C-alpha atoms as a PDB file:
ATOM      1  CA  UNK A   1      84.149 166.188  86.016  1.00  0.00           C
ATOM      2  CA  UNK A   2      86.095 165.614  89.199  1.00  0.00           C
ATOM      3  CA  UNK A   3      83.566 162.997  90.335  1.00  0.00           C
ATOM      4  CA  UNK A   4      84.025 161.123  87.060  1.00  0.00           C
ATOM      5  CA  UNK A   5      87.795 160.909  87.530  1.00  0.00           C
ATOM      6  CA  UNK A   6      87.386 159.620  91.079  1.00  0.00           C
ATOM      7  CA  UNK A   7      84.966 156.938  89.878  1.00  0.00           C
ATOM      8  CA  UNK A   8      87.385 155.948  87.107  1.00  0.00           C
ATOM      9  CA  UNK A   9      90.318 155.543  89.521  1.00  0.00           C
ATOM     10  CA  UNK A  10      88.175 153.597  92.001  1.00  0.00           C
ATOM     11  CA  UNK A  11      87.074 151.205  89.242  1.00  0.00           C
ATOM     12  CA  UNK A  12      90.670 150.749  88.019  1.00  0.00           C
ATOM     13  CA  UNK A  13      91.904 149.956  91.549  1.00  0.00           C
ATOM     14  CA  UNK A  14      89.108 147.418  92.012  1.00  0.00           C
ATOM     15  CA  UNK A  15      90.005 145.626  88.757  1.00  0.00           C
ATOM     16  CA  UNK A  16      93.699 145.516  89.683  1.00  0.00           C
ATOM     17  CA  UNK A  17      92.832 144.093  93.101  1.00  0.00           C
ATOM     18  CA  UNK A  18      90.734 141.333  91.518  1.00  0.00           C
ATOM     19  CA  UNK A  19      93.507 140.534  89.047  1.00  0.00           C
ATOM     20  CA  UNK A  20      96.155 140.108  91.751  1.00  0.00           C
ATOM     21  CA  UNK A  21      93.824 138.025  93.884  1.00  0.00           C
ATOM     22  CA  UNK A  22      93.094 135.659  90.990  1.00  0.00           C
ATOM     23  CA  UNK A  23      96.800 135.117  90.354  1.00  0.00           C
ATOM     24  CA  UNK A  24      97.216 133.477  93.728  1.00  0.00           C
ATOM     25  CA  UNK A  25      93.779 131.897  94.068  1.00  0.00           C
ATOM     26  CA  UNK A  26      93.487 128.152  94.434  1.00  0.00           C
ATOM     27  CA  UNK A  27      91.422 126.387  91.820  1.00  0.00           C
ATOM     28  CA  UNK A  28      88.607 124.050  92.877  1.00  0.00           C
ATOM     29  CA  UNK A  29      88.907 120.517  91.482  1.00  0.00           C
ATOM     30  CA  UNK A  30      87.109 117.222  92.039  1.00  0.00           C
ATOM     31  CA  UNK A  31      89.816 116.233  94.488  1.00  0.00           C
ATOM     32  CA  UNK A  32      89.844 119.535  96.410  1.00  0.00           C
ATOM     33  CA  UNK A  33      91.858 122.722  95.944  1.00  0.00           C
ATOM     34  CA  UNK A  34      95.107 123.049  94.073  1.00  0.00           C
ATOM     35  CA  UNK A  35      97.260 125.950  92.820  1.00  0.00           C
ATOM     36  CA  UNK A  36      96.284 127.034  89.323  1.00  0.00           C
ATOM     37  CA  UNK A  37      98.573 125.600  86.634  1.00  0.00           C
ATOM     38  CA  UNK A  38      99.959 122.909  88.907  1.00  0.00           C
ATOM     39  CA  UNK A  39      98.687 119.437  89.733  1.00  0.00           C
ATOM     40  CA  UNK A  40      95.556 118.397  87.812  1.00  0.00           C
ATOM     41  CA  UNK A  41      94.474 115.134  89.453  1.00  0.00           C
ATOM     42  CA  UNK A  42      96.004 112.037  90.966  1.00  0.00           C
ATOM     43  CA  UNK A  43      98.734 111.691  93.526  1.00  0.00           C
ATOM     44  CA  UNK A  44     100.286 108.704  95.292  1.00  0.00           C
ATOM     45  CA  UNK A  45     102.576 109.197  98.269  1.00  0.00           C
ATOM     46  CA  UNK A  46     104.359 106.260  99.891  1.00  0.00           C
ATOM     47  CA  UNK A  47     105.498 106.707 103.483  1.00  0.00           C
ATOM     48  CA  UNK A  48     107.773 104.639 105.684  1.00  0.00           C
ATOM     49  CA  UNK A  49     107.846 105.406 109.411  1.00  0.00           C
ATOM     50  CA  UNK A  50     105.968 108.621 108.633  1.00  0.00           C
ATOM     51  CA  UNK A  51     108.519 109.897 106.101  1.00  0.00           C
ATOM     52  CA  UNK A  52     107.807 110.196 102.363  1.00  0.00           C
ATOM     53  CA  UNK A  53     109.984 107.787 100.375  1.00  0.00           C
ATOM     54  CA  UNK A  54     108.181 107.777  96.997  1.00  0.00           C
ATOM     55  CA  UNK A  55     105.672 110.063  95.298  1.00  0.00           C
ATOM     56  CA  UNK A  56     103.813 110.137  92.008  1.00  0.00           C
ATOM     57  CA  UNK A  57     102.078 113.345  90.914  1.00  0.00           C
ATOM     58  CA  UNK A  58      99.905 114.007  87.873  1.00  0.00           C
ATOM     59  CA  UNK A  59     100.889 117.263  86.183  1.00  0.00           C
ATOM     60  CA  UNK A  60      99.531 118.958  83.079  1.00  0.00           C
ATOM     61  CA  UNK A  61     100.230 116.492  80.291  1.00  0.00           C
ATOM     62  CA  UNK A  62     102.637 114.317  82.281  1.00  0.00           C
ATOM     63  CA  UNK A  63     103.440 112.600  85.575  1.00  0.00           C
ATOM     64  CA  UNK A  64     106.443 112.875  87.866  1.00  0.00           C
ATOM     65  CA  UNK A  65     107.714 110.066  90.082  1.00  0.00           C
ATOM     66  CA  UNK A  66     110.210 111.080  92.764  1.00  0.00           C
ATOM     67  CA  UNK A  67     112.285 109.523  95.523  1.00  0.00           C
ATOM     68  CA  UNK A  68     114.764 111.528  97.572  1.00  0.00           C
ATOM     69  CA  UNK A  69     116.634 113.742  95.132  1.00  0.00           C
ATOM     70  CA  UNK A  70     115.794 111.607  92.070  1.00  0.00           C
ATOM     71  CA  UNK A  71     112.857 112.297  89.758  1.00  0.00           C
ATOM     72  CA  UNK A  72     111.470 110.698  86.607  1.00  0.00           C
ATOM     73  CA  UNK A  73     109.214 112.534  84.156  1.00  0.00           C
ATOM     74  CA  UNK A  74     106.613 110.341  82.469  1.00  0.00           C
ATOM     75  CA  UNK A  75     104.928 111.170  79.176  1.00  0.00           C
ATOM     76  CA  UNK A  76     102.226 109.149  77.451  1.00  0.00           C
ATOM     77  CA  UNK A  77     103.199 108.098  73.931  1.00  0.00           C
ATOM     78  CA  UNK A  78     101.463 106.054  71.223  1.00  0.00           C
ATOM     79  CA  UNK A  79     101.636 102.441  72.365  1.00  0.00           C
ATOM     80  CA  UNK A  80     103.106 103.218  75.787  1.00  0.00           C
ATOM     81  CA  UNK A  81     105.057 105.812  77.772  1.00  0.00           C
ATOM     82  CA  UNK A  82     108.400 107.598  77.865  1.00  0.00           C
ATOM     83  CA  UNK A  83     110.319 107.850  81.139  1.00  0.00           C
ATOM     84  CA  UNK A  84     113.123 110.406  81.361  1.00  0.00           C
ATOM     85  CA  UNK A  85     115.516 111.360  84.145  1.00  0.00           C
ATOM     86  CA  UNK A  86     118.350 113.715  83.276  1.00  0.00           C
ATOM     87  CA  UNK A  87     120.110 112.274  80.232  1.00  0.00           C
ATOM     88  CA  UNK A  88     118.551 108.815  80.675  1.00  0.00           C
ATOM     89  CA  UNK A  89     115.471 107.849  78.704  1.00  0.00           C
ATOM     90  CA  UNK A  90     113.355 104.700  78.908  1.00  0.00           C
ATOM     91  CA  UNK A  91     110.549 103.508  76.678  1.00  0.00           C
ATOM     92  CA  UNK A  92     107.521 101.598  77.946  1.00  0.00           C
ATOM     93  CA  UNK A  93     105.836  99.359  75.388  1.00  0.00           C
ATOM     94  CA  UNK A  94     102.292  98.187  76.122  1.00  0.00           C
ATOM     95  CA  UNK A  95     100.853  95.378  74.002  1.00  0.00           C
ATOM     96  CA  UNK A  96      97.864  93.306  75.023  1.00  0.00           C
ATOM     97  CA  UNK A  97      98.627  91.990  78.527  1.00  0.00           C
ATOM     98  CA  UNK A  98     102.375  92.704  78.458  1.00  0.00           C
ATOM     99  CA  UNK A  99     104.178  95.868  79.602  1.00  0.00           C
ATOM    100  CA  UNK A 100     107.920  96.176  78.938  1.00  0.00           C
ATOM    101  CA  UNK A 101     110.348  98.828  80.158  1.00  0.00           C
ATOM    102  CA  UNK A 102     113.286  99.294  77.748  1.00  0.00           C
ATOM    103  CA  UNK A 103     116.495 101.256  78.326  1.00  0.00           C
ATOM    104  CA  UNK A 104     118.074 103.579  75.724  1.00  0.00           C
ATOM    105  CA  UNK A 105     119.801 100.574  74.088  1.00  0.00           C
ATOM    106  CA  UNK A 106     116.474  98.827  73.599  1.00  0.00           C
ATOM    107  CA  UNK A 107     117.214  96.176  76.232  1.00  0.00           C
ATOM    108  CA  UNK A 108     114.408  95.055  78.533  1.00  0.00           C
ATOM    109  CA  UNK A 109     114.841  96.249  82.124  1.00  0.00           C
ATOM    110  CA  UNK A 110     111.744  94.445  83.339  1.00  0.00           C
ATOM    111  CA  UNK A 111     108.443  93.032  82.128  1.00  0.00           C
ATOM    112  CA  UNK A 112     104.976  93.038  83.644  1.00  0.00           C
ATOM    113  CA  UNK A 113     102.356  90.557  82.473  1.00  0.00           C
ATOM    114  CA  UNK A 114      98.909  91.577  83.650  1.00  0.00           C
ATOM    115  CA  UNK A 115      95.864  89.389  84.211  1.00  0.00           C
ATOM    116  CA  UNK A 116      92.481  89.748  85.876  1.00  0.00           C
ATOM    117  CA  UNK A 117      93.682  88.098  89.110  1.00  0.00           C
ATOM    118  CA  UNK A 118      97.487  88.122  88.909  1.00  0.00           C
ATOM    119  CA  UNK A 119     100.347  90.323  87.725  1.00  0.00           C
ATOM    120  CA  UNK A 120     103.732  88.769  86.985  1.00  0.00           C
ATOM    121  CA  UNK A 121     107.059  90.605  87.160  1.00  0.00           C
ATOM    122  CA  UNK A 122     110.309  89.521  85.505  1.00  0.00           C
ATOM    123  CA  UNK A 123     113.646  91.346  85.543  1.00  0.00           C
ATOM    124  CA  UNK A 124     115.533  93.595  87.918  1.00  0.00           C
ATOM    125  CA  UNK A 125     119.191  94.318  88.534  1.00  0.00           C
ATOM    126  CA  UNK A 126     120.045  90.637  89.066  1.00  0.00           C
ATOM    127  CA  UNK A 127     117.977  89.584  86.059  1.00  0.00           C
ATOM    128  CA  UNK A 128     115.594  86.663  85.946  1.00  0.00           C
ATOM    129  CA  UNK A 129     113.772  87.597  89.166  1.00  0.00           C
ATOM    130  CA  UNK A 130     110.278  86.087  89.111  1.00  0.00           C
ATOM    131  CA  UNK A 131     107.651  87.815  91.236  1.00  0.00           C
ATOM    132  CA  UNK A 132     103.860  87.740  91.202  1.00  0.00           C
ATOM    133  CA  UNK A 133     101.066  89.825  92.734  1.00  0.00           C
ATOM    134  CA  UNK A 134      97.851  87.839  93.193  1.00  0.00           C
ATOM    135  CA  UNK A 135      94.520  89.340  94.196  1.00  0.00           C
ATOM    136  CA  UNK A 136      92.874  87.839  97.286  1.00  0.00           C
ATOM    137  CA  UNK A 137      90.136  88.519  99.842  1.00  0.00           C
ATOM    138  CA  UNK A 138      87.621  89.804  97.332  1.00  0.00           C
ATOM    139  CA  UNK A 139      90.214  92.004  95.631  1.00  0.00           C
ATOM    140  CA  UNK A 140      91.062  93.740  98.896  1.00  0.00           C
ATOM    141  CA  UNK A 141      94.721  92.677  98.924  1.00  0.00           C
ATOM    142  CA  UNK A 142      97.610  91.385  96.837  1.00  0.00           C
ATOM    143  CA  UNK A 143      99.706  88.444  97.897  1.00  0.00           C
ATOM    144  CA  UNK A 144     103.293  89.259  96.892  1.00  0.00           C
ATOM    145  CA  UNK A 145     105.307  86.178  96.005  1.00  0.00           C
ATOM    146  CA  UNK A 146     108.923  85.586  94.974  1.00  0.00           C
ATOM    147  CA  UNK A 147     108.661  82.318  93.096  1.00  0.00           C
ATOM    148  CA  UNK A 148     106.637  80.063  95.412  1.00  0.00           C
ATOM    149  CA  UNK A 149     107.462  81.967  98.610  1.00  0.00           C
ATOM    150  CA  UNK A 150     105.148  84.684  99.908  1.00  0.00           C
ATOM    151  CA  UNK A 151     107.187  87.785 100.695  1.00  0.00           C
ATOM    152  CA  UNK A 152     104.322  89.890 102.021  1.00  0.00           C
ATOM    153  CA  UNK A 153     101.008  91.508 101.204  1.00  0.00           C
ATOM    154  CA  UNK A 154      99.622  94.800  99.925  1.00  0.00           C
ATOM    155  CA  UNK A 155      96.237  95.327 101.569  1.00  0.00           C
ATOM    156  CA  UNK A 156      93.526  97.971 101.380  1.00  0.00           C
ATOM    157  CA  UNK A 157      92.112  99.148 104.711  1.00  0.00           C
ATOM    158  CA  UNK A 158      88.787 100.926 103.986  1.00  0.00           C
ATOM    159  CA  UNK A 159      88.385 102.175 107.565  1.00  0.00           C
ATOM    160  CA  UNK A 160      91.510 104.328 107.334  1.00  0.00           C
ATOM    161  CA  UNK A 161      91.483 104.680 103.526  1.00  0.00           C
ATOM    162  CA  UNK A 162      95.029 103.399 103.357  1.00  0.00           C
ATOM    163  CA  UNK A 163      96.983 100.693 101.567  1.00  0.00           C
ATOM    164  CA  UNK A 164      99.643  98.984 103.674  1.00  0.00           C
ATOM    165  CA  UNK A 165     102.508  96.817 102.436  1.00  0.00           C
ATOM    166  CA  UNK A 166     103.516  94.267 105.077  1.00  0.00           C
ATOM    167  CA  UNK A 167     106.330  91.699 105.092  1.00  0.00           C
ATOM    168  CA  UNK A 168     105.888  87.929 105.491  1.00  0.00           C
ATOM    169  CA  UNK A 169     105.624  88.354 109.277  1.00  0.00           C
ATOM    170  CA  UNK A 170     102.857  90.945 109.009  1.00  0.00           C
ATOM    171  CA  UNK A 171     105.057  93.919 109.901  1.00  0.00           C
ATOM    172  CA  UNK A 172     104.264  97.177 108.131  1.00  0.00           C
ATOM    173  CA  UNK A 173     106.935  98.186 105.616  1.00  0.00           C
ATOM    174  CA  UNK A 174     105.259 101.210 103.996  1.00  0.00           C
ATOM    175  CA  UNK A 175     101.836 102.710 103.374  1.00  0.00           C
ATOM    176  CA  UNK A 176      99.878 105.041 101.114  1.00  0.00           C
ATOM    177  CA  UNK A 177      96.633 106.952 101.523  1.00  0.00           C
ATOM    178  CA  UNK A 178      94.113 105.681  98.985  1.00  0.00           C
ATOM    179  CA  UNK A 179      90.396 105.122  98.585  1.00  0.00           C
ATOM    180  CA  UNK A 180      90.991 101.791  96.835  1.00  0.00           C
ATOM    181  CA  UNK A 181      93.538  98.992  96.516  1.00  0.00           C
ATOM    182  CA  UNK A 182      96.657 100.029  94.578  1.00  0.00           C
ATOM    183  CA  UNK A 183      99.736  97.938  93.859  1.00  0.00           C
ATOM    184  CA  UNK A 184     102.507 100.564  93.842  1.00  0.00           C
ATOM    185  CA  UNK A 185     103.344 100.166  97.588  1.00  0.00           C
ATOM    186  CA  UNK A 186     104.437  96.640  96.652  1.00  0.00           C
ATOM    187  CA  UNK A 187     107.812  97.958  95.493  1.00  0.00           C
ATOM    188  CA  UNK A 188     108.725  98.228  99.202  1.00  0.00           C
ATOM    189  CA  UNK A 189     108.639  94.414  99.348  1.00  0.00           C
ATOM    190  CA  UNK A 190     111.152  93.951  96.510  1.00  0.00           C
ATOM    191  CA  UNK A 191     114.610  94.530  98.052  1.00  0.00           C
ATOM    192  CA  UNK A 192     116.531  93.224  95.046  1.00  0.00           C
ATOM    193  CA  UNK A 193     115.605  96.303  93.004  1.00  0.00           C
ATOM    194  CA  UNK A 194     118.126  99.110  92.723  1.00  0.00           C
ATOM    195  CA  UNK A 195     116.901 102.564  93.799  1.00  0.00           C
ATOM    196  CA  UNK A 196     116.485 103.572  90.164  1.00  0.00           C
ATOM    197  CA  UNK A 197     114.575 100.403  89.266  1.00  0.00           C
ATOM    198  CA  UNK A 198     112.322 100.831  92.296  1.00  0.00           C
ATOM    199  CA  UNK A 199     111.461 104.381  91.221  1.00  0.00           C
ATOM    200  CA  UNK A 200     110.779 103.285  87.633  1.00  0.00           C
ATOM    201  CA  UNK A 201     108.590 100.365  88.709  1.00  0.00           C
ATOM    202  CA  UNK A 202     106.717 102.536  91.214  1.00  0.00           C
ATOM    203  CA  UNK A 203     105.933 105.063  88.485  1.00  0.00           C
ATOM    204  CA  UNK A 204     104.863 102.348  86.050  1.00  0.00           C
ATOM    205  CA  UNK A 205     102.584 100.606  88.551  1.00  0.00           C
ATOM    206  CA  UNK A 206     101.046 103.953  89.433  1.00  0.00           C
ATOM    207  CA  UNK A 207     100.022 104.875  85.889  1.00  0.00           C
ATOM    208  CA  UNK A 208      99.669 101.599  83.954  1.00  0.00           C
ATOM    209  CA  UNK A 209      98.223  99.137  86.487  1.00  0.00           C
ATOM    210  CA  UNK A 210      94.672  99.782  87.789  1.00  0.00           C
END
């Protein structure tokens, strides 16, 4: 009888130990390990001089774009996305090759027109800004142009698995770790954008532009 009680208590302690261990255990994913219930897949981190200036993380059912103390939650909706930050809400409408970001009044903040070789941007704080991102070098880099003037490049470096945004003189402005060419570091080459617009565009490029 006594031996049975000892066995019962030993079994109970073992089960409790396993339970507590599982609560803190990291879950294996295709991209490595992550805490259970946190990030699912996909993360873009933009660094300047080694410091993180922008990040985009895929969460369960949403994304979060952040810069400094500001953050934008992104939800997928029928026909587009919803961006929210505090009391501010933006709607993203996607139709054919056009992507529009609208503020709470329904006014267009900016527009992206996507093509197989070029993406065009219109809008920004000043309004009427015309920028384009054209694929070059066998789709290994984007040429970033403001009107007819090249303002820099966004280039994939397979040796270091990084994407580097450089100004018109070839100087590095920011970079991201990536196994392929991505456009989101290009926001570092667009100084006319306000901090809020830069965060919104970074989030949009990260989720809606391949």
